[in-house]
Amino acid sequence: MPRLLAVLVVPAAVLAAAPAAPVPKDRLLAADSYYPTVVGTKLVYDIGGGEETRVVTAVERVEGGTLVTTEHLQPDGTKTPHMKVRVTAKGLFLAEEVGGAYDPPWCILELPPKAGSKWDTISGGRAQVTGSMTAHGVEEVEVPAGTFRAARVDWELSPNNVVSYWYAPKAGLVKMTTGGAPVVLKSFTTGKP
């Protein structure tokens, strides 16, 4: 009887030591995307004492990544356009904002986040964007929704006009400063996949 038990135990040990199958890139991207990628995800922000709610309403596979649509959720339950962001292994690219398209999409965060990385923000289409972006690496950021390890990037529109953004895995934007009252994430609820 002991030999039979040894025969049954050895294959299990061998299987446990075998390398796991590689995780598909789209799963890695969803987990590490620095943007919410699950329909139904709800983000509530404090904007200068007021409140704004955004909801992920669509996620679709597109060439090279995933296109995520968010909408503003009004107090009466209606939704209005907010953003469409292309999430790729190379970064987050703003494709549309409040109905205005960026052509080409505007890189709002390079991935993986690397301190000192710089890129220009020039885009045409209905919405015009100019300036430069500078990454500052990953920092710990405390907001009402909790403490996040977030990638900080500064958008310099002019020497005296800088907007700072902090993006966290799965949550996306957790904080933004513009010189006025900051925008901070109050609550974050992931949708059901």
N, C-alpha and C. Protein backbone atom coordinates (compact mmCIF):
# COMPACT_ATOMS: atom_id res chain seq x y z
N MET A 1 0.81 -1.20 0.00
CA MET A 1 0.00 0.00 0.00
C MET A 1 0.85 1.26 0.00
N PRO A 2 1.98 1.35 0.74
CA PRO A 2 2.78 2.55 0.73
C PRO A 2 3.30 2.89 -0.67
N ARG A 3 3.61 1.88 -1.50
CA ARG A 3 4.10 2.16 -2.86
C ARG A 3 3.02 2.84 -3.69
N LEU A 4 1.78 2.43 -3.57
CA LEU A 4 0.68 3.04 -4.31
C LEU A 4 0.52 4.50 -3.91
N LEU A 5 0.62 4.81 -2.64
CA LEU A 5 0.52 6.19 -2.16
C LEU A 5 1.67 7.02 -2.72
N ALA A 6 2.89 6.46 -2.75
CA ALA A 6 4.04 7.19 -3.30
C ALA A 6 3.84 7.48 -4.77
N VAL A 7 3.25 6.55 -5.50
CA VAL A 7 3.00 6.77 -6.93
C VAL A 7 1.99 7.89 -7.13
N LEU A 8 1.00 7.98 -6.26
CA LEU A 8 -0.01 9.03 -6.38
C LEU A 8 0.53 10.39 -5.94
N VAL A 9 1.43 10.43 -4.95
CA VAL A 9 1.95 11.68 -4.42
C VAL A 9 2.99 12.28 -5.35
N VAL A 10 3.86 11.48 -5.93
CA VAL A 10 4.93 12.00 -6.77
C VAL A 10 4.38 12.78 -7.97
N PRO A 11 3.41 12.26 -8.73
CA PRO A 11 2.91 13.06 -9.84
C PRO A 11 2.32 14.39 -9.40
N ALA A 12 1.67 14.44 -8.24
CA ALA A 12 1.12 15.71 -7.76
C ALA A 12 2.24 16.69 -7.47
N ALA A 13 3.34 16.22 -6.88
CA ALA A 13 4.48 17.10 -6.58
C ALA A 13 5.11 17.60 -7.88
N VAL A 14 5.21 16.73 -8.85
CA VAL A 14 5.78 17.13 -10.14
C VAL A 14 4.90 18.19 -10.79
N LEU A 15 3.58 18.00 -10.73
CA LEU A 15 2.67 18.98 -11.31
C LEU A 15 2.77 20.32 -10.59
N ALA A 16 2.92 20.30 -9.29
CA ALA A 16 3.01 21.55 -8.52
C ALA A 16 4.27 22.31 -8.88
N ALA A 17 5.34 21.61 -9.25
CA ALA A 17 6.60 22.26 -9.58
C ALA A 17 6.64 22.74 -11.03
N ALA A 18 5.72 22.26 -11.85
CA ALA A 18 5.72 22.65 -13.27
C ALA A 18 5.40 24.14 -13.39
N PRO A 19 6.03 24.83 -14.36
CA PRO A 19 5.77 26.25 -14.51
C PRO A 19 4.33 26.50 -14.95
N ALA A 20 3.76 27.58 -14.46
CA ALA A 20 2.39 27.93 -14.83
C ALA A 20 2.37 28.46 -16.25
N ALA A 21 1.23 28.30 -16.89
CA ALA A 21 1.09 28.83 -18.25
C ALA A 21 1.18 30.35 -18.18
N PRO A 22 1.75 30.99 -19.22
CA PRO A 22 1.85 32.44 -19.18
C PRO A 22 0.47 33.09 -19.14
N VAL A 23 0.39 34.19 -18.42
CA VAL A 23 -0.87 34.92 -18.33
C VAL A 23 -1.04 35.73 -19.61
N PRO A 24 -2.22 35.65 -20.25
CA PRO A 24 -2.43 36.42 -21.47
C PRO A 24 -2.20 37.91 -21.23
N LYS A 25 -1.64 38.62 -22.24
CA LYS A 25 -1.32 40.04 -22.10
C LYS A 25 -2.53 40.87 -21.74
N ASP A 26 -3.72 40.52 -22.27
CA ASP A 26 -4.89 41.35 -21.96
C ASP A 26 -5.26 41.24 -20.48
N ARG A 27 -5.00 40.09 -19.84
CA ARG A 27 -5.27 39.97 -18.41
C ARG A 27 -4.26 40.79 -17.62
N LEU A 28 -2.98 40.71 -18.02
CA LEU A 28 -1.97 41.52 -17.35
C LEU A 28 -2.33 43.00 -17.48
N LEU A 29 -2.73 43.38 -18.67
CA LEU A 29 -3.06 44.78 -18.92
C LEU A 29 -4.23 45.22 -18.06
N ALA A 30 -5.25 44.39 -17.94
CA ALA A 30 -6.41 44.77 -17.14
C ALA A 30 -6.01 44.97 -15.68
N ALA A 31 -5.09 44.16 -15.18
CA ALA A 31 -4.69 44.26 -13.78
C ALA A 31 -3.73 45.42 -13.53
N ASP A 32 -2.92 45.75 -14.51
CA ASP A 32 -1.87 46.75 -14.32
C ASP A 32 -2.06 47.98 -15.20
N SER A 33 -3.26 48.23 -15.64
CA SER A 33 -3.48 49.24 -16.67
C SER A 33 -3.46 50.68 -16.21
N TYR A 34 -3.50 50.93 -14.93
CA TYR A 34 -3.58 52.30 -14.42
C TYR A 34 -4.85 52.99 -14.90
N TYR A 35 -5.85 52.19 -15.24
CA TYR A 35 -7.15 52.72 -15.66
C TYR A 35 -8.18 51.62 -15.43
N PRO A 36 -9.39 51.97 -15.00
CA PRO A 36 -10.40 50.92 -14.77
C PRO A 36 -10.83 50.31 -16.10
N THR A 37 -10.89 48.98 -16.15
CA THR A 37 -11.23 48.29 -17.40
C THR A 37 -12.40 47.32 -17.24
N VAL A 38 -13.22 47.53 -16.22
CA VAL A 38 -14.38 46.65 -15.99
C VAL A 38 -15.65 47.50 -16.07
N VAL A 39 -16.58 47.09 -16.95
CA VAL A 39 -17.86 47.80 -17.08
C VAL A 39 -18.57 47.81 -15.72
N GLY A 40 -19.14 48.95 -15.39
CA GLY A 40 -19.84 49.11 -14.13
C GLY A 40 -18.99 49.71 -13.02
N THR A 41 -17.68 49.83 -13.26
CA THR A 41 -16.82 50.46 -12.26
C THR A 41 -17.28 51.89 -12.04
N LYS A 42 -17.40 52.27 -10.78
CA LYS A 42 -17.92 53.59 -10.42
C LYS A 42 -16.87 54.35 -9.61
N LEU A 43 -16.58 55.58 -10.05
CA LEU A 43 -15.61 56.43 -9.37
C LEU A 43 -16.29 57.72 -8.97
N VAL A 44 -16.19 58.07 -7.69
CA VAL A 44 -16.80 59.30 -7.19
C VAL A 44 -15.66 60.24 -6.78
N TYR A 45 -15.69 61.46 -7.30
CA TYR A 45 -14.64 62.45 -7.05
C TYR A 45 -15.17 63.64 -6.27
N ASP A 46 -14.30 64.19 -5.43
CA ASP A 46 -14.54 65.48 -4.79
C ASP A 46 -13.83 66.50 -5.67
N ILE A 47 -14.60 67.43 -6.22
CA ILE A 47 -14.06 68.46 -7.10
C ILE A 47 -14.37 69.81 -6.47
N GLY A 48 -13.41 70.31 -5.70
CA GLY A 48 -13.60 71.62 -5.08
C GLY A 48 -14.82 71.70 -4.19
N GLY A 49 -15.11 70.64 -3.44
CA GLY A 49 -16.27 70.64 -2.55
C GLY A 49 -17.52 70.08 -3.19
N GLY A 50 -17.54 69.99 -4.52
CA GLY A 50 -18.67 69.36 -5.22
C GLY A 50 -18.34 67.89 -5.46
N GLU A 51 -19.31 67.17 -5.97
CA GLU A 51 -19.12 65.74 -6.21
C GLU A 51 -19.42 65.42 -7.66
N GLU A 52 -18.60 64.54 -8.25
CA GLU A 52 -18.81 64.08 -9.62
C GLU A 52 -18.64 62.58 -9.65
N THR A 53 -19.58 61.89 -10.32
CA THR A 53 -19.52 60.43 -10.43
C THR A 53 -19.29 60.05 -11.89
N ARG A 54 -18.34 59.14 -12.09
CA ARG A 54 -18.03 58.62 -13.42
C ARG A 54 -18.20 57.11 -13.39
N VAL A 55 -18.72 56.56 -14.49
CA VAL A 55 -18.97 55.12 -14.58
C VAL A 55 -18.38 54.58 -15.88
N VAL A 56 -17.72 53.42 -15.81
CA VAL A 56 -17.25 52.74 -17.02
C VAL A 56 -18.47 52.10 -17.66
N THR A 57 -18.81 52.53 -18.88
CA THR A 57 -20.01 52.03 -19.54
C THR A 57 -19.72 51.10 -20.72
N ALA A 58 -18.48 51.08 -21.21
CA ALA A 58 -18.14 50.18 -22.31
C ALA A 58 -16.65 49.89 -22.29
N VAL A 59 -16.30 48.64 -22.61
CA VAL A 59 -14.92 48.22 -22.75
C VAL A 59 -14.87 47.34 -23.99
N GLU A 60 -14.08 47.76 -24.98
CA GLU A 60 -14.01 46.96 -26.20
C GLU A 60 -12.57 46.76 -26.64
N ARG A 61 -12.31 45.56 -27.16
CA ARG A 61 -10.99 45.25 -27.68
C ARG A 61 -10.82 46.00 -28.99
N VAL A 62 -9.70 46.69 -29.12
CA VAL A 62 -9.35 47.38 -30.36
C VAL A 62 -7.91 47.00 -30.69
N GLU A 63 -7.49 47.31 -31.90
CA GLU A 63 -6.14 46.95 -32.30
C GLU A 63 -5.13 47.55 -31.32
N GLY A 64 -4.31 46.70 -30.74
CA GLY A 64 -3.27 47.15 -29.84
C GLY A 64 -3.69 47.41 -28.41
N GLY A 65 -4.95 47.16 -28.06
CA GLY A 65 -5.34 47.42 -26.68
C GLY A 65 -6.83 47.34 -26.44
N THR A 66 -7.29 48.16 -25.52
CA THR A 66 -8.68 48.18 -25.09
C THR A 66 -9.16 49.61 -25.07
N LEU A 67 -10.37 49.86 -25.57
CA LEU A 67 -10.96 51.19 -25.54
C LEU A 67 -12.00 51.21 -24.43
N VAL A 68 -11.79 52.10 -23.45
CA VAL A 68 -12.67 52.20 -22.28
C VAL A 68 -13.46 53.50 -22.38
N THR A 69 -14.78 53.37 -22.27
CA THR A 69 -15.67 54.55 -22.29
C THR A 69 -16.17 54.80 -20.88
N THR A 70 -16.02 56.07 -20.43
CA THR A 70 -16.60 56.47 -19.16
C THR A 70 -17.61 57.57 -19.41
N GLU A 71 -18.63 57.61 -18.57
CA GLU A 71 -19.66 58.64 -18.67
C GLU A 71 -19.88 59.25 -17.29
N HIS A 72 -20.34 60.51 -17.29
CA HIS A 72 -20.73 61.16 -16.04
C HIS A 72 -22.10 60.60 -15.65
N LEU A 73 -22.26 60.24 -14.40
CA LEU A 73 -23.55 59.78 -13.88
C LEU A 73 -24.17 60.95 -13.12
N GLN A 74 -25.28 61.45 -13.65
CA GLN A 74 -25.97 62.58 -13.05
C GLN A 74 -26.81 62.11 -11.85
N PRO A 75 -27.14 63.03 -10.93
CA PRO A 75 -27.95 62.64 -9.76
C PRO A 75 -29.29 61.99 -10.12
N ASP A 76 -29.86 62.34 -11.29
CA ASP A 76 -31.14 61.75 -11.69
C ASP A 76 -30.98 60.40 -12.40
N GLY A 77 -29.71 59.91 -12.51
CA GLY A 77 -29.45 58.61 -13.13
C GLY A 77 -29.10 58.67 -14.61
N THR A 78 -29.25 59.83 -15.24
CA THR A 78 -28.87 59.95 -16.65
C THR A 78 -27.35 60.00 -16.78
N LYS A 79 -26.88 59.64 -17.96
CA LYS A 79 -25.44 59.63 -18.23
C LYS A 79 -25.13 60.59 -19.36
N THR A 80 -24.00 61.28 -19.24
CA THR A 80 -23.52 62.17 -20.29
C THR A 80 -22.08 61.80 -20.62
N PRO A 81 -21.62 62.08 -21.85
CA PRO A 81 -20.26 61.68 -22.25
C PRO A 81 -19.17 62.25 -21.36
N HIS A 82 -18.16 61.43 -21.12
CA HIS A 82 -16.98 61.88 -20.37
C HIS A 82 -15.74 61.64 -21.22
N MET A 83 -15.22 60.40 -21.25
CA MET A 83 -13.99 60.11 -21.99
C MET A 83 -14.01 58.75 -22.65
N LYS A 84 -13.14 58.63 -23.66
CA LYS A 84 -12.78 57.33 -24.23
C LYS A 84 -11.27 57.27 -24.16
N VAL A 85 -10.76 56.25 -23.47
CA VAL A 85 -9.32 56.09 -23.28
C VAL A 85 -8.89 54.76 -23.85
N ARG A 86 -7.85 54.81 -24.69
CA ARG A 86 -7.26 53.58 -25.23
C ARG A 86 -6.18 53.13 -24.26
N VAL A 87 -6.35 51.92 -23.72
CA VAL A 87 -5.42 51.34 -22.76
C VAL A 87 -4.56 50.33 -23.51
N THR A 88 -3.24 50.57 -23.53
CA THR A 88 -2.32 49.67 -24.21
C THR A 88 -1.16 49.33 -23.28
N ALA A 89 -0.31 48.41 -23.70
CA ALA A 89 0.87 48.07 -22.92
C ALA A 89 1.84 49.25 -22.88
N LYS A 90 1.75 50.17 -23.84
CA LYS A 90 2.65 51.32 -23.91
C LYS A 90 2.13 52.52 -23.13
N GLY A 91 0.83 52.55 -22.82
CA GLY A 91 0.33 53.68 -22.06
C GLY A 91 -1.17 53.88 -22.17
N LEU A 92 -1.62 55.00 -21.61
CA LEU A 92 -3.01 55.43 -21.68
C LEU A 92 -3.09 56.56 -22.69
N PHE A 93 -4.04 56.46 -23.61
CA PHE A 93 -4.17 57.45 -24.69
C PHE A 93 -5.60 57.96 -24.72
N LEU A 94 -5.76 59.26 -24.48
CA LEU A 94 -7.07 59.88 -24.49
C LEU A 94 -7.51 60.05 -25.94
N ALA A 95 -8.57 59.32 -26.32
CA ALA A 95 -9.06 59.34 -27.69
C ALA A 95 -10.20 60.33 -27.89
N GLU A 96 -10.98 60.55 -26.82
CA GLU A 96 -12.14 61.44 -26.92
C GLU A 96 -12.47 61.99 -25.53
N GLU A 97 -12.88 63.24 -25.50
CA GLU A 97 -13.24 63.87 -24.23
C GLU A 97 -14.48 64.73 -24.45
N VAL A 98 -15.55 64.42 -23.74
CA VAL A 98 -16.84 65.12 -23.83
C VAL A 98 -17.24 65.30 -25.30
N GLY A 99 -17.10 64.23 -26.06
CA GLY A 99 -17.51 64.23 -27.46
C GLY A 99 -16.49 64.78 -28.44
N GLY A 100 -15.40 65.38 -27.97
CA GLY A 100 -14.36 65.91 -28.86
C GLY A 100 -13.25 64.90 -29.03
N ALA A 101 -12.96 64.53 -30.30
CA ALA A 101 -11.95 63.51 -30.58
C ALA A 101 -10.55 64.12 -30.64
N TYR A 102 -9.57 63.33 -30.17
CA TYR A 102 -8.16 63.69 -30.30
C TYR A 102 -7.58 62.86 -31.44
N ASP A 103 -6.95 63.52 -32.40
CA ASP A 103 -6.40 62.81 -33.55
C ASP A 103 -4.99 63.33 -33.83
N PRO A 104 -3.96 62.57 -33.46
CA PRO A 104 -4.00 61.25 -32.85
C PRO A 104 -4.36 61.34 -31.37
N PRO A 105 -4.72 60.20 -30.78
CA PRO A 105 -5.02 60.21 -29.35
C PRO A 105 -3.83 60.74 -28.54
N TRP A 106 -4.12 61.41 -27.44
CA TRP A 106 -3.14 62.09 -26.60
C TRP A 106 -2.65 61.13 -25.53
N CYS A 107 -1.33 60.91 -25.47
CA CYS A 107 -0.74 60.04 -24.45
C CYS A 107 -0.77 60.77 -23.11
N ILE A 108 -1.58 60.26 -22.17
CA ILE A 108 -1.68 60.89 -20.86
C ILE A 108 -0.80 60.18 -19.82
N LEU A 109 -0.34 58.96 -20.13
CA LEU A 109 0.57 58.24 -19.23
C LEU A 109 1.30 57.17 -20.02
N GLU A 110 2.63 57.23 -20.01
CA GLU A 110 3.42 56.17 -20.61
C GLU A 110 3.55 55.02 -19.63
N LEU A 111 3.51 53.80 -20.14
CA LEU A 111 3.67 52.60 -19.32
C LEU A 111 4.86 51.79 -19.81
N PRO A 112 5.60 51.15 -18.93
CA PRO A 112 5.47 51.29 -17.49
C PRO A 112 5.93 52.67 -17.05
N PRO A 113 5.42 53.17 -15.92
CA PRO A 113 5.79 54.51 -15.46
C PRO A 113 7.29 54.59 -15.16
N LYS A 114 7.95 55.61 -15.68
CA LYS A 114 9.38 55.75 -15.47
C LYS A 114 9.71 57.21 -15.18
N ALA A 115 10.25 57.47 -14.00
CA ALA A 115 10.60 58.84 -13.61
C ALA A 115 11.55 59.46 -14.63
N GLY A 116 11.28 60.70 -15.00
CA GLY A 116 12.12 61.43 -15.94
C GLY A 116 11.71 61.31 -17.39
N SER A 117 10.80 60.41 -17.69
CA SER A 117 10.32 60.25 -19.06
C SER A 117 9.54 61.49 -19.48
N LYS A 118 9.78 61.99 -20.71
CA LYS A 118 9.10 63.19 -21.21
C LYS A 118 8.57 62.93 -22.61
N TRP A 119 7.43 63.55 -22.93
CA TRP A 119 6.88 63.47 -24.27
C TRP A 119 6.02 64.69 -24.54
N ASP A 120 5.91 65.04 -25.82
CA ASP A 120 5.09 66.19 -26.22
C ASP A 120 3.63 65.79 -26.33
N THR A 121 2.76 66.76 -26.12
CA THR A 121 1.32 66.54 -26.24
C THR A 121 0.80 67.42 -27.36
N ILE A 122 0.86 66.90 -28.55
CA ILE A 122 0.35 67.63 -29.71
C ILE A 122 -0.69 66.74 -30.35
N SER A 123 -1.89 67.25 -30.48
CA SER A 123 -2.97 66.47 -31.08
C SER A 123 -3.89 67.41 -31.82
N GLY A 124 -4.48 66.90 -32.87
CA GLY A 124 -5.41 67.71 -33.66
C GLY A 124 -6.82 67.20 -33.49
N GLY A 125 -7.63 67.39 -34.52
CA GLY A 125 -9.03 67.01 -34.46
C GLY A 125 -9.83 68.14 -33.85
N ARG A 126 -11.01 67.81 -33.34
CA ARG A 126 -11.87 68.81 -32.73
C ARG A 126 -11.24 69.42 -31.48
N ALA A 127 -10.50 68.59 -30.76
CA ALA A 127 -9.86 69.05 -29.52
C ALA A 127 -8.37 69.25 -29.78
N GLN A 128 -7.85 70.41 -29.47
CA GLN A 128 -6.44 70.71 -29.67
C GLN A 128 -5.70 70.60 -28.34
N VAL A 129 -4.54 69.93 -28.35
CA VAL A 129 -3.74 69.77 -27.15
C VAL A 129 -2.30 70.11 -27.49
N THR A 130 -1.67 70.94 -26.67
CA THR A 130 -0.25 71.21 -26.83
C THR A 130 0.39 71.24 -25.45
N GLY A 131 1.69 71.14 -25.43
CA GLY A 131 2.42 71.16 -24.17
C GLY A 131 3.35 69.96 -24.09
N SER A 132 3.79 69.65 -22.88
CA SER A 132 4.64 68.48 -22.69
C SER A 132 4.29 67.79 -21.39
N MET A 133 4.55 66.50 -21.35
CA MET A 133 4.26 65.67 -20.18
C MET A 133 5.60 65.20 -19.60
N THR A 134 5.68 65.15 -18.27
CA THR A 134 6.85 64.63 -17.58
C THR A 134 6.40 63.66 -16.51
N ALA A 135 6.94 62.44 -16.56
CA ALA A 135 6.62 61.42 -15.56
C ALA A 135 7.53 61.58 -14.36
N HIS A 136 7.00 61.33 -13.16
CA HIS A 136 7.77 61.46 -11.93
C HIS A 136 7.84 60.14 -11.17
N GLY A 137 7.46 59.04 -11.81
CA GLY A 137 7.51 57.75 -11.16
C GLY A 137 6.29 57.49 -10.30
N VAL A 138 6.37 56.46 -9.46
CA VAL A 138 5.25 56.02 -8.64
C VAL A 138 5.44 56.56 -7.22
N GLU A 139 4.35 57.12 -6.67
CA GLU A 139 4.35 57.71 -5.33
C GLU A 139 3.17 57.17 -4.55
N GLU A 140 3.25 57.25 -3.24
CA GLU A 140 2.11 56.90 -2.40
C GLU A 140 1.24 58.15 -2.27
N VAL A 141 -0.05 58.00 -2.59
CA VAL A 141 -0.98 59.13 -2.57
C VAL A 141 -2.16 58.76 -1.67
N GLU A 142 -2.47 59.64 -0.73
CA GLU A 142 -3.61 59.42 0.16
C GLU A 142 -4.75 60.35 -0.24
N VAL A 143 -5.89 59.75 -0.53
CA VAL A 143 -7.11 60.48 -0.89
C VAL A 143 -8.26 59.88 -0.07
N PRO A 144 -9.44 60.51 -0.07
CA PRO A 144 -10.54 59.95 0.73
C PRO A 144 -10.87 58.48 0.42
N ALA A 145 -10.62 58.01 -0.80
CA ALA A 145 -10.91 56.63 -1.16
C ALA A 145 -9.88 55.64 -0.62
N GLY A 146 -8.75 56.16 -0.11
CA GLY A 146 -7.72 55.28 0.43
C GLY A 146 -6.33 55.74 0.03
N THR A 147 -5.35 54.87 0.28
CA THR A 147 -3.96 55.16 -0.07
C THR A 147 -3.61 54.30 -1.28
N PHE A 148 -3.06 54.94 -2.29
CA PHE A 148 -2.74 54.27 -3.56
C PHE A 148 -1.27 54.47 -3.91
N ARG A 149 -0.68 53.49 -4.58
CA ARG A 149 0.62 53.64 -5.23
C ARG A 149 0.28 54.13 -6.64
N ALA A 150 0.57 55.38 -6.91
CA ALA A 150 0.11 56.00 -8.15
C ALA A 150 1.26 56.63 -8.93
N ALA A 151 1.16 56.52 -10.25
CA ALA A 151 2.13 57.14 -11.15
C ALA A 151 1.76 58.61 -11.33
N ARG A 152 2.72 59.48 -11.07
CA ARG A 152 2.48 60.92 -11.23
C ARG A 152 3.04 61.39 -12.56
N VAL A 153 2.25 62.23 -13.24
CA VAL A 153 2.70 62.86 -14.47
C VAL A 153 2.24 64.31 -14.45
N ASP A 154 3.12 65.22 -14.88
CA ASP A 154 2.80 66.64 -14.95
C ASP A 154 2.64 67.06 -16.40
N TRP A 155 1.58 67.79 -16.67
CA TRP A 155 1.34 68.34 -18.00
C TRP A 155 1.66 69.83 -17.93
N GLU A 156 2.71 70.25 -18.63
CA GLU A 156 3.11 71.64 -18.64
C GLU A 156 2.54 72.31 -19.89
N LEU A 157 1.55 73.16 -19.67
CA LEU A 157 0.94 73.90 -20.76
C LEU A 157 1.76 75.14 -21.09
N SER A 158 2.35 75.73 -20.05
CA SER A 158 3.25 76.88 -20.17
C SER A 158 4.09 76.87 -18.89
N PRO A 159 5.16 77.66 -18.83
CA PRO A 159 5.99 77.63 -17.61
C PRO A 159 5.20 77.90 -16.32
N ASN A 160 4.13 78.64 -16.39
CA ASN A 160 3.36 78.97 -15.19
C ASN A 160 2.05 78.20 -15.08
N ASN A 161 1.85 77.21 -15.92
CA ASN A 161 0.59 76.47 -15.91
C ASN A 161 0.89 74.97 -16.00
N VAL A 162 0.89 74.31 -14.85
CA VAL A 162 1.18 72.87 -14.79
C VAL A 162 0.02 72.16 -14.11
N VAL A 163 -0.44 71.08 -14.73
CA VAL A 163 -1.49 70.23 -14.16
C VAL A 163 -0.83 68.90 -13.81
N SER A 164 -1.01 68.43 -12.57
CA SER A 164 -0.44 67.16 -12.13
C SER A 164 -1.54 66.12 -11.98
N TYR A 165 -1.25 64.90 -12.45
CA TYR A 165 -2.19 63.79 -12.39
C TYR A 165 -1.52 62.62 -11.69
N TRP A 166 -2.29 61.86 -10.92
CA TRP A 166 -1.82 60.63 -10.30
C TRP A 166 -2.75 59.50 -10.73
N TYR A 167 -2.19 58.47 -11.39
CA TYR A 167 -2.95 57.32 -11.87
C TYR A 167 -2.54 56.07 -11.10
N ALA A 168 -3.53 55.31 -10.62
CA ALA A 168 -3.26 54.09 -9.87
C ALA A 168 -3.79 52.88 -10.64
N PRO A 169 -3.13 51.71 -10.49
CA PRO A 169 -3.62 50.51 -11.15
C PRO A 169 -5.09 50.25 -10.80
N LYS A 170 -5.85 49.88 -11.79
CA LYS A 170 -7.27 49.53 -11.71
C LYS A 170 -8.19 50.73 -11.47
N ALA A 171 -7.72 51.75 -10.76
CA ALA A 171 -8.58 52.89 -10.41
C ALA A 171 -8.47 54.03 -11.41
N GLY A 172 -7.33 54.17 -12.08
CA GLY A 172 -7.13 55.30 -12.97
C GLY A 172 -6.79 56.54 -12.18
N LEU A 173 -7.41 57.66 -12.54
CA LEU A 173 -7.12 58.94 -11.89
C LEU A 173 -7.57 58.92 -10.44
N VAL A 174 -6.62 59.15 -9.52
CA VAL A 174 -6.98 59.23 -8.09
C VAL A 174 -6.82 60.64 -7.56
N LYS A 175 -6.03 61.47 -8.26
CA LYS A 175 -5.83 62.85 -7.82
C LYS A 175 -5.39 63.70 -9.00
N MET A 176 -5.81 64.98 -8.98
CA MET A 176 -5.38 65.95 -9.99
C MET A 176 -5.29 67.31 -9.31
N THR A 177 -4.19 68.02 -9.59
CA THR A 177 -4.06 69.39 -9.08
C THR A 177 -3.85 70.32 -10.26
N THR A 178 -4.48 71.49 -10.18
CA THR A 178 -4.40 72.46 -11.27
C THR A 178 -4.02 73.85 -10.78
N GLY A 179 -3.66 73.97 -9.53
CA GLY A 179 -3.40 75.28 -8.95
C GLY A 179 -4.56 75.72 -8.08
N GLY A 180 -5.75 75.21 -8.38
CA GLY A 180 -6.93 75.49 -7.56
C GLY A 180 -7.17 74.33 -6.61
N ALA A 181 -8.43 74.10 -6.28
CA ALA A 181 -8.78 72.97 -5.41
C ALA A 181 -8.47 71.67 -6.13
N PRO A 182 -7.86 70.70 -5.44
CA PRO A 182 -7.55 69.44 -6.10
C PRO A 182 -8.80 68.60 -6.37
N VAL A 183 -8.69 67.73 -7.36
CA VAL A 183 -9.71 66.72 -7.63
C VAL A 183 -9.19 65.45 -6.99
N VAL A 184 -9.99 64.83 -6.10
CA VAL A 184 -9.54 63.63 -5.40
C VAL A 184 -10.62 62.55 -5.45
N LEU A 185 -10.19 61.32 -5.52
CA LEU A 185 -11.11 60.18 -5.55
C LEU A 185 -11.69 59.96 -4.15
N LYS A 186 -13.04 60.01 -4.05
CA LYS A 186 -13.73 59.79 -2.76
C LYS A 186 -14.05 58.32 -2.55
N SER A 187 -14.50 57.66 -3.63
CA SER A 187 -14.82 56.23 -3.53
C SER A 187 -14.63 55.57 -4.88
N PHE A 188 -14.39 54.27 -4.82
CA PHE A 188 -14.07 53.48 -6.00
C PHE A 188 -14.70 52.11 -5.84
N THR A 189 -15.60 51.75 -6.76
CA THR A 189 -16.26 50.45 -6.72
C THR A 189 -16.05 49.76 -8.06
N THR A 190 -15.41 48.59 -8.04
CA THR A 190 -15.16 47.87 -9.29
C THR A 190 -16.44 47.18 -9.74
N GLY A 191 -16.72 47.25 -11.04
CA GLY A 191 -17.86 46.55 -11.60
C GLY A 191 -17.64 45.05 -11.55
N LYS A 192 -18.68 44.29 -11.88
CA LYS A 192 -18.55 42.84 -11.89
C LYS A 192 -18.22 42.38 -13.31
N PRO A 193 -17.09 41.65 -13.45
CA PRO A 193 -16.68 41.20 -14.79
C PRO A 193 -17.67 40.25 -15.42
